[in-house]
PDB file of N, CA and C in Angstrom:
ATOM      1  N   MET A   1       4.857  23.956  19.867  1.00  0.00           N
ATOM      2  CA  MET A   1       5.085  22.743  20.757  1.00  0.00           C
ATOM      3  C   MET A   1       3.986  22.027  20.329  1.00  0.00           C
ATOM      4  N   GLU A   2       4.336  20.931  19.792  1.00  0.00           N
ATOM      5  CA  GLU A   2       3.082  19.781  19.458  1.00  0.00           C
ATOM      6  C   GLU A   2       2.882  18.871  20.660  1.00  0.00           C
ATOM      7  N   THR A   3       1.412  18.796  20.369  1.00  0.00           N
ATOM      8  CA  THR A   3       0.772  17.867  21.529  1.00  0.00           C
ATOM      9  C   THR A   3       0.128  16.635  20.700  1.00  0.00           C
ATOM     10  N   THR A   4       0.368  15.618  21.045  1.00  0.00           N
ATOM     11  CA  THR A   4      -0.147  14.080  20.682  1.00  0.00           C
ATOM     12  C   THR A   4      -1.212  13.566  21.535  1.00  0.00           C
ATOM     13  N   THR A   5      -1.962  13.484  20.977  1.00  0.00           N
ATOM     14  CA  THR A   5      -3.214  12.227  22.029  1.00  0.00           C
ATOM     15  C   THR A   5      -2.927  10.884  21.374  1.00  0.00           C
ATOM     16  N   THR A   6      -3.358  10.178  22.725  1.00  0.00           N
ATOM     17  CA  THR A   6      -3.481   8.892  22.594  1.00  0.00           C
ATOM     18  C   THR A   6      -4.349   8.265  23.101  1.00  0.00           C
ATOM     19  N   ILE A   7      -5.223   7.110  22.287  1.00  0.00           N
ATOM     20  CA  ILE A   7      -6.547   5.971  22.186  1.00  0.00           C
ATOM     21  C   ILE A   7      -6.049   5.147  22.519  1.00  0.00           C
ATOM     22  N   LYS A   8      -6.922   4.656  23.556  1.00  0.00           N
ATOM     23  CA  LYS A   8      -6.778   3.244  24.233  1.00  0.00           C
ATOM     24  C   LYS A   8      -7.277   2.353  23.252  1.00  0.00           C
ATOM     25  N   SER A   9      -6.661   1.223  22.677  1.00  0.00           N
ATOM     26  CA  SER A   9      -7.776   0.345  21.791  1.00  0.00           C
ATOM     27  C   SER A   9      -8.327  -0.328  22.263  1.00  0.00           C
ATOM     28  N   PRO A  10      -9.414  -0.488  21.958  1.00  0.00           N
ATOM     29  CA  PRO A  10     -10.335  -1.427  22.987  1.00  0.00           C
ATOM     30  C   PRO A  10     -10.155  -2.764  22.786  1.00  0.00           C
ATOM     31  N   PHE A  11      -8.953  -3.419  21.609  1.00  0.00           N
ATOM     32  CA  PHE A  11      -8.681  -4.475  21.686  1.00  0.00           C
ATOM     33  C   PHE A  11      -7.060  -4.688  22.388  1.00  0.00           C
ATOM     34  N   ASP A  12      -7.064  -5.994  23.137  1.00  0.00           N
ATOM     35  CA  ASP A  12      -5.565  -6.522  23.978  1.00  0.00           C
ATOM     36  C   ASP A  12      -4.663  -6.659  23.028  1.00  0.00           C
ATOM     37  N   GLN A  13      -3.558  -6.802  23.386  1.00  0.00           N
ATOM     38  CA  GLN A  13      -1.779  -6.809  22.394  1.00  0.00           C
ATOM     39  C   GLN A  13      -2.201  -8.215  21.559  1.00  0.00           C
ATOM     40  N   GLN A  14      -2.495  -9.556  22.470  1.00  0.00           N
ATOM     41  CA  GLN A  14      -2.682 -10.256  21.250  1.00  0.00           C
ATOM     42  C   GLN A  14      -3.921 -10.415  20.352  1.00  0.00           C
ATOM     43  N   THR A  15      -4.852 -10.066  20.605  1.00  0.00           N
ATOM     44  CA  THR A  15      -5.704  -9.339  19.600  1.00  0.00           C
ATOM     45  C   THR A  15      -4.820  -8.484  18.458  1.00  0.00           C
ATOM     46  N   LEU A  16      -4.560  -7.706  19.129  1.00  0.00           N
ATOM     47  CA  LEU A  16      -3.896  -6.695  17.777  1.00  0.00           C
ATOM     48  C   LEU A  16      -2.806  -7.525  17.081  1.00  0.00           C
ATOM     49  N   GLN A  17      -2.099  -7.978  17.747  1.00  0.00           N
ATOM     50  CA  GLN A  17      -0.828  -8.848  17.170  1.00  0.00           C
ATOM     51  C   GLN A  17      -1.224 -10.081  16.165  1.00  0.00           C
ATOM     52  N   TYR A  18      -2.433 -10.344  16.196  1.00  0.00           N
ATOM     53  CA  TYR A  18      -3.048 -11.207  14.871  1.00  0.00           C
ATOM     54  C   TYR A  18      -3.562 -10.570  14.044  1.00  0.00           C
ATOM     55  N   PHE A  19      -4.112  -9.292  14.628  1.00  0.00           N
ATOM     56  CA  PHE A  19      -4.957  -8.376  13.068  1.00  0.00           C
ATOM     57  C   PHE A  19      -3.023  -7.731  12.351  1.00  0.00           C
ATOM     58  N   LYS A  20      -2.416  -7.607  13.022  1.00  0.00           N
ATOM     59  CA  LYS A  20      -0.784  -7.111  12.426  1.00  0.00           C
ATOM     60  C   LYS A  20      -0.871  -8.117  11.229  1.00  0.00           C
ATOM     61  N   GLU A  21      -0.691  -9.496  12.000  1.00  0.00           N
ATOM     62  CA  GLU A  21       0.064 -10.322  11.297  1.00  0.00           C
ATOM     63  C   GLU A  21      -0.760 -11.121   9.989  1.00  0.00           C
ATOM     64  N   LEU A  22      -2.063 -11.006  10.315  1.00  0.00           N
ATOM     65  CA  LEU A  22      -3.192 -11.184   9.157  1.00  0.00           C
ATOM     66  C   LEU A  22      -2.818 -10.457   8.460  1.00  0.00           C
ATOM     67  N   LEU A  23      -2.872  -8.537   8.562  1.00  0.00           N
ATOM     68  CA  LEU A  23      -2.364  -7.396   7.592  1.00  0.00           C
ATOM     69  C   LEU A  23      -1.410  -7.691   7.127  1.00  0.00           C
ATOM     70  N   LEU A  24      -0.253  -8.212   7.500  1.00  0.00           N
ATOM     71  CA  LEU A  24       1.035  -8.594   7.111  1.00  0.00           C
ATOM     72  C   LEU A  24       1.297  -9.889   5.740  1.00  0.00           C
ATOM     73  N   GLU A  25       0.562 -10.552   6.179  1.00  0.00           N
ATOM     74  CA  GLU A  25      -0.093 -11.674   5.224  1.00  0.00           C
ATOM     75  C   GLU A  25      -0.787 -11.718   4.130  1.00  0.00           C
ATOM     76  N   LYS A  26      -1.594 -10.525   3.912  1.00  0.00           N
ATOM     77  CA  LYS A  26      -2.315 -10.231   2.967  1.00  0.00           C
ATOM     78  C   LYS A  26      -1.709  -9.285   2.301  1.00  0.00           C
ATOM     79  N   ARG A  27      -0.820  -8.846   2.869  1.00  0.00           N
ATOM     80  CA  ARG A  27       0.261  -7.805   2.513  1.00  0.00           C
ATOM     81  C   ARG A  27       1.223  -8.522   1.347  1.00  0.00           C
ATOM     82  N   ARG A  28       1.943  -9.892   1.810  1.00  0.00           N
ATOM     83  CA  ARG A  28       2.509 -10.819   0.947  1.00  0.00           C
ATOM     84  C   ARG A  28       2.174 -11.215   0.040  1.00  0.00           C
ATOM     85  N   GLU A  29       0.347 -11.514   0.119  1.00  0.00           N
ATOM     86  CA  GLU A  29      -0.035 -12.101  -1.072  1.00  0.00           C
ATOM     87  C   GLU A  29      -0.409 -11.206  -1.898  1.00  0.00           C
ATOM     88  N   ALA A  30      -0.699 -10.046  -1.763  1.00  0.00           N
ATOM     89  CA  ALA A  30      -1.072  -8.770  -2.938  1.00  0.00           C
ATOM     90  C   ALA A  30       0.658  -8.801  -3.205  1.00  0.00           C
ATOM     91  N   GLU A  31       1.714  -8.605  -2.843  1.00  0.00           N
ATOM     92  CA  GLU A  31       2.508  -8.590  -3.777  1.00  0.00           C
ATOM     93  C   GLU A  31       2.810  -9.788  -4.415  1.00  0.00           C
ATOM     94  N   GLU A  32       2.899 -11.172  -4.231  1.00  0.00           N
ATOM     95  CA  GLU A  32       2.709 -11.792  -5.056  1.00  0.00           C
ATOM     96  C   GLU A  32       2.126 -12.008  -6.341  1.00  0.00           C
ATOM     97  N   GLN A  33       0.816 -11.477  -6.102  1.00  0.00           N
ATOM     98  CA  GLN A  33      -0.146 -11.424  -6.951  1.00  0.00           C
ATOM     99  C   GLN A  33       0.128 -10.441  -7.931  1.00  0.00           C
ATOM    100  N   GLU A  34       0.695  -9.463  -7.280  1.00  0.00           N
ATOM    101  CA  GLU A  34       1.482  -8.095  -8.574  1.00  0.00           C
ATOM    102  C   GLU A  34       2.666  -8.519  -9.109  1.00  0.00           C
ATOM    103  N   GLU A  35       3.171  -9.553  -8.671  1.00  0.00           N
ATOM    104  CA  GLU A  35       4.404  -9.926  -9.626  1.00  0.00           C
ATOM    105  C   GLU A  35       3.644 -10.584 -10.484  1.00  0.00           C
ATOM    106  N   GLN A  36       2.772 -11.784 -10.461  1.00  0.00           N
ATOM    107  CA  GLN A  36       2.306 -12.423 -11.190  1.00  0.00           C
ATOM    108  C   GLN A  36       1.619 -11.865 -12.357  1.00  0.00           C
ATOM    109  N   ILE A  37       0.819 -10.989 -11.987  1.00  0.00           N
ATOM    110  CA  ILE A  37       0.315  -9.986 -13.125  1.00  0.00           C
ATOM    111  C   ILE A  37       1.423  -9.563 -13.659  1.00  0.00           C
ATOM    112  N   GLU A  38       2.155  -9.332 -13.324  1.00  0.00           N
ATOM    113  CA  GLU A  38       3.283  -8.194 -13.930  1.00  0.00           C
ATOM    114  C   GLU A  38       3.752  -8.886 -15.076  1.00  0.00           C
ATOM    115  N   ASN A  39       3.852 -10.241 -14.708  1.00  0.00           N
ATOM    116  CA  ASN A  39       4.623 -11.065 -15.403  1.00  0.00           C
ATOM    117  C   ASN A  39       3.959 -11.622 -16.894  1.00  0.00           C
ATOM    118  N   ASN A  40       2.276 -11.901 -16.693  1.00  0.00           N
ATOM    119  CA  ASN A  40       1.714 -12.020 -17.505  1.00  0.00           C
ATOM    120  C   ASN A  40       1.216 -10.388 -18.456  1.00  0.00           C
ATOM    121  N   ILE A  41       1.471  -9.597 -18.121  1.00  0.00           N
ATOM    122  CA  ILE A  41       1.569  -8.089 -18.634  1.00  0.00           C
ATOM    123  C   ILE A  41       2.941  -8.215 -19.623  1.00  0.00           C
ATOM    124  N   SER A  42       3.789  -8.770 -19.104  1.00  0.00           N
ATOM    125  CA  SER A  42       5.180  -9.084 -20.226  1.00  0.00           C
ATOM    126  C   SER A  42       5.089  -9.888 -20.882  1.00  0.00           C
ATOM    127  N   ASN A  43       4.599 -11.198 -20.792  1.00  0.00           N
ATOM    128  CA  ASN A  43       4.350 -12.243 -21.797  1.00  0.00           C
ATOM    129  C   ASN A  43       3.430 -12.024 -22.925  1.00  0.00           C
ATOM    130  N   LEU A  44       2.002 -10.991 -22.011  1.00  0.00           N
ATOM    131  CA  LEU A  44       1.194 -10.369 -23.531  1.00  0.00           C
ATOM    132  C   LEU A  44       1.953  -9.571 -24.041  1.00  0.00           C
ATOM    133  N   ASN A  45       2.442  -9.031 -23.874  1.00  0.00           N
ATOM    134  CA  ASN A  45       3.517  -7.864 -24.686  1.00  0.00           C
ATOM    135  C   ASN A  45       4.433  -8.678 -25.619  1.00  0.00           C
ATOM    136  N   GLU A  46       5.229  -9.500 -25.070  1.00  0.00           N
ATOM    137  CA  GLU A  46       5.837 -10.457 -26.002  1.00  0.00           C
ATOM    138  C   GLU A  46       5.635 -11.166 -27.093  1.00  0.00           C
ATOM    139  N   ALA A  47       4.245 -11.842 -26.214  1.00  0.00           N
ATOM    140  CA  ALA A  47       3.459 -12.168 -27.543  1.00  0.00           C
ATOM    141  C   ALA A  47       2.808 -11.493 -28.594  1.00  0.00           C
ATOM    142  N   ASP A  48       2.236 -10.099 -28.381  1.00  0.00           N
ATOM    143  CA  ASP A  48       1.813  -8.758 -29.290  1.00  0.00           C
ATOM    144  C   ASP A  48       3.143  -8.660 -30.323  1.00  0.00           C
ATOM    145  N   ASP A  49       4.314  -8.912 -29.558  1.00  0.00           N
ATOM    146  CA  ASP A  49       5.914  -8.406 -30.666  1.00  0.00           C
ATOM    147  C   ASP A  49       5.882  -9.402 -31.816  1.00  0.00           C
ATOM    148  N   ALA A  50       5.206 -10.615 -31.446  1.00  0.00           N
ATOM    149  CA  ALA A  50       5.809 -12.214 -31.865  1.00  0.00           C
ATOM    150  C   ALA A  50       4.598 -12.244 -33.082  1.00  0.00           C
ATOM    151  N   ASP A  51       3.324 -11.999 -32.290  1.00  0.00           N
ATOM    152  CA  ASP A  51       2.156 -11.739 -33.821  1.00  0.00           C
ATOM    153  C   ASP A  51       1.932 -10.851 -34.107  1.00  0.00           C
ATOM    154  N   GLN A  52       2.767  -9.457 -34.448  1.00  0.00           N
ATOM    155  CA  GLN A  52       2.890  -9.002 -35.236  1.00  0.00           C
ATOM    156  C   GLN A  52       3.983  -9.212 -36.774  1.00  0.00           C
ATOM    157  N   SER A  53       4.541 -10.175 -36.217  1.00  0.00           N
ATOM    158  CA  SER A  53       4.873 -10.970 -37.179  1.00  0.00           C
ATOM    159  C   SER A  53       4.553 -11.589 -38.499  1.00  0.00           C
ATOM    160  N   SER A  54       3.333 -12.317 -37.415  1.00  0.00           N
ATOM    161  CA  SER A  54       2.341 -12.707 -38.574  1.00  0.00           C
ATOM    162  C   SER A  54       1.297 -12.583 -39.534  1.00  0.00           C
ATOM    163  N   ILE A  55       1.193 -13.499 -40.490  1.00  0.00           N
ATOM    164  CA  ILE A  55       0.476 -12.199 -41.690  1.00  0.00           C
ATOM    165  C   ILE A  55      -1.210 -12.177 -41.034  1.00  0.00           C
ATOM    166  N   ALA A  56      -1.410 -13.575 -40.643  1.00  0.00           N
ATOM    167  CA  ALA A  56      -2.722 -13.586 -40.675  1.00  0.00           C
ATOM    168  C   ALA A  56      -3.603 -13.293 -39.096  1.00  0.00           C
ATOM    169  N   HIS A  57      -4.188 -12.001 -38.934  1.00  0.00           N
ATOM    170  CA  HIS A  57      -4.943 -11.842 -38.336  1.00  0.00           C
ATOM    171  C   HIS A  57      -6.384 -11.739 -37.832  1.00  0.00           C
ATOM    172  N   HIS A  58      -6.962 -12.714 -36.559  1.00  0.00           N
ATOM    173  CA  HIS A  58      -8.632 -12.320 -36.538  1.00  0.00           C
ATOM    174  C   HIS A  58      -8.711 -11.221 -35.752  1.00  0.00           C
ATOM    175  N   MET A  59      -9.686 -10.187 -35.644  1.00  0.00           N
ATOM    176  CA  MET A  59     -10.432  -9.353 -35.207  1.00  0.00           C
ATOM    177  C   MET A  59     -10.763  -9.698 -33.436  1.00  0.00           C
ATOM    178  N   GLY A  60     -11.082 -10.780 -33.449  1.00  0.00           N
ATOM    179  CA  GLY A  60     -11.515 -11.323 -32.497  1.00  0.00           C
ATOM    180  C   GLY A  60     -10.128 -11.387 -31.326  1.00  0.00           C
ATOM    181  N   ASP A  61      -9.078 -11.900 -31.935  1.00  0.00           N
ATOM    182  CA  ASP A  61      -7.738 -12.247 -31.359  1.00  0.00           C
ATOM    183  C   ASP A  61      -7.155 -10.847 -30.681  1.00  0.00           C
ATOM    184  N   PHE A  62      -7.542  -9.916 -31.459  1.00  0.00           N
ATOM    185  CA  PHE A  62      -7.091  -8.723 -30.994  1.00  0.00           C
ATOM    186  C   PHE A  62      -7.819  -7.987 -29.844  1.00  0.00           C
ATOM    187  N   GLY A  63      -9.360  -7.883 -30.382  1.00  0.00           N
ATOM    188  CA  GLY A  63     -10.007  -7.960 -29.064  1.00  0.00           C
ATOM    189  C   GLY A  63      -9.976  -8.775 -27.654  1.00  0.00           C
ATOM    190  N   SER A  64      -9.707 -10.053 -27.797  1.00  0.00           N
ATOM    191  CA  SER A  64      -9.620 -10.558 -26.363  1.00  0.00           C
ATOM    192  C   SER A  64      -8.218 -10.121 -25.750  1.00  0.00           C
ATOM    193  N   ASP A  65      -7.064 -10.125 -27.045  1.00  0.00           N
ATOM    194  CA  ASP A  65      -5.551  -9.438 -26.548  1.00  0.00           C
ATOM    195  C   ASP A  65      -6.046  -8.402 -25.521  1.00  0.00           C
ATOM    196  N   THR A  66      -6.472  -7.433 -26.056  1.00  0.00           N
ATOM    197  CA  THR A  66      -6.392  -6.121 -25.591  1.00  0.00           C
ATOM    198  C   THR A  66      -7.609  -6.361 -24.445  1.00  0.00           C
ATOM    199  N   GLU A  67      -8.838  -7.115 -24.074  1.00  0.00           N
ATOM    200  CA  GLU A  67      -9.096  -7.491 -22.897  1.00  0.00           C
ATOM    201  C   GLU A  67      -8.476  -8.333 -21.863  1.00  0.00           C
ATOM    202  N   GLU A  68      -7.472  -8.960 -21.981  1.00  0.00           N
ATOM    203  CA  GLU A  68      -6.834  -9.509 -21.501  1.00  0.00           C
ATOM    204  C   GLU A  68      -5.918  -8.611 -20.826  1.00  0.00           C
ATOM    205  N   LYS A  69      -5.454  -8.107 -21.120  1.00  0.00           N
ATOM    206  CA  LYS A  69      -4.482  -6.936 -21.073  1.00  0.00           C
ATOM    207  C   LYS A  69      -4.992  -5.432 -20.203  1.00  0.00           C
ATOM    208  N   GLN A  70      -6.077  -5.287 -20.200  1.00  0.00           N
ATOM    209  CA  GLN A  70      -6.650  -4.378 -19.336  1.00  0.00           C
ATOM    210  C   GLN A  70      -7.131  -5.191 -17.720  1.00  0.00           C
ATOM    211  N   MET A  71      -7.828  -6.263 -18.577  1.00  0.00           N
ATOM    212  CA  MET A  71      -8.101  -6.692 -16.606  1.00  0.00           C
ATOM    213  C   MET A  71      -6.848  -7.371 -16.316  1.00  0.00           C
ATOM    214  N   ASN A  72      -5.692  -7.604 -16.408  1.00  0.00           N
ATOM    215  CA  ASN A  72      -4.007  -7.055 -16.135  1.00  0.00           C
ATOM    216  C   ASN A  72      -4.225  -6.279 -15.617  1.00  0.00           C
ATOM    217  N   TYR A  73      -4.188  -4.857 -16.342  1.00  0.00           N
ATOM    218  CA  TYR A  73      -3.667  -3.822 -15.730  1.00  0.00           C
ATOM    219  C   TYR A  73      -4.799  -3.329 -14.293  1.00  0.00           C
ATOM    220  N   GLN A  74      -6.053  -3.975 -14.553  1.00  0.00           N
ATOM    221  CA  GLN A  74      -6.720  -3.366 -13.252  1.00  0.00           C
ATOM    222  C   GLN A  74      -6.640  -4.258 -12.335  1.00  0.00           C
ATOM    223  N   PHE A  75      -6.361  -5.963 -12.114  1.00  0.00           N
ATOM    224  CA  PHE A  75      -6.094  -6.202 -10.758  1.00  0.00           C
ATOM    225  C   PHE A  75      -4.467  -5.983 -10.697  1.00  0.00           C
ATOM    226  N   LEU A  76      -3.702  -5.190 -11.269  1.00  0.00           N
ATOM    227  CA  LEU A  76      -2.492  -4.501 -10.620  1.00  0.00           C
ATOM    228  C   LEU A  76      -2.802  -3.332 -10.207  1.00  0.00           C
ATOM    229  N   GLN A  77      -3.307  -2.709 -10.873  1.00  0.00           N
ATOM    230  CA  GLN A  77      -4.438  -1.296  -9.715  1.00  0.00           C
ATOM    231  C   GLN A  77      -5.044  -1.533  -8.625  1.00  0.00           C
ATOM    232  N   ARG A  78      -5.613  -2.703  -8.808  1.00  0.00           N
ATOM    233  CA  ARG A  78      -6.177  -3.187  -7.397  1.00  0.00           C
ATOM    234  C   ARG A  78      -5.591  -3.565  -6.236  1.00  0.00           C
ATOM    235  N   THR A  79      -4.799  -4.111  -6.873  1.00  0.00           N
ATOM    236  CA  THR A  79      -3.673  -5.501  -5.503  1.00  0.00           C
ATOM    237  C   THR A  79      -2.269  -4.194  -4.927  1.00  0.00           C
ATOM    238  N   ARG A  80      -2.341  -3.121  -6.070  1.00  0.00           N
ATOM    239  CA  ARG A  80      -1.265  -1.921  -5.536  1.00  0.00           C
ATOM    240  C   ARG A  80      -1.848  -1.465  -4.474  1.00  0.00           C
ATOM    241  N   LYS A  81      -3.299  -1.034  -4.581  1.00  0.00           N
ATOM    242  CA  LYS A  81      -3.448  -0.638  -3.303  1.00  0.00           C
ATOM    243  C   LYS A  81      -3.506  -0.731  -1.681  1.00  0.00           C
ATOM    244  N   PHE A  82      -3.193  -2.197  -1.756  1.00  0.00           N
ATOM    245  CA  PHE A  82      -2.943  -3.283  -0.896  1.00  0.00           C
ATOM    246  C   PHE A  82      -1.489  -2.277  -0.188  1.00  0.00           C
ATOM    247  N   HIS A  83      -0.559  -1.842  -1.304  1.00  0.00           N
ATOM    248  CA  HIS A  83       0.530  -1.143   0.015  1.00  0.00           C
ATOM    249  C   HIS A  83       0.818  -0.489   0.137  1.00  0.00           C
TER     250      HIS A  83
END
């Protein structure tokens, strides 16, 4: 037999509803950011494919692209923590 303990919240229903709506809005924002970051990563990958066909490459460009990808992946990981 399983027993459950109910803990009474120090907040009234109106306050709880406010925080629930606030959290849901933050989650929607995080989902939108996640979608934008995924699009950025996809665009960077497509640009890399196009760059592979060109002859001249500067090492600084490779470093900048790599850093931007890493930053996007970090943003994506952080954003997914909200889910």
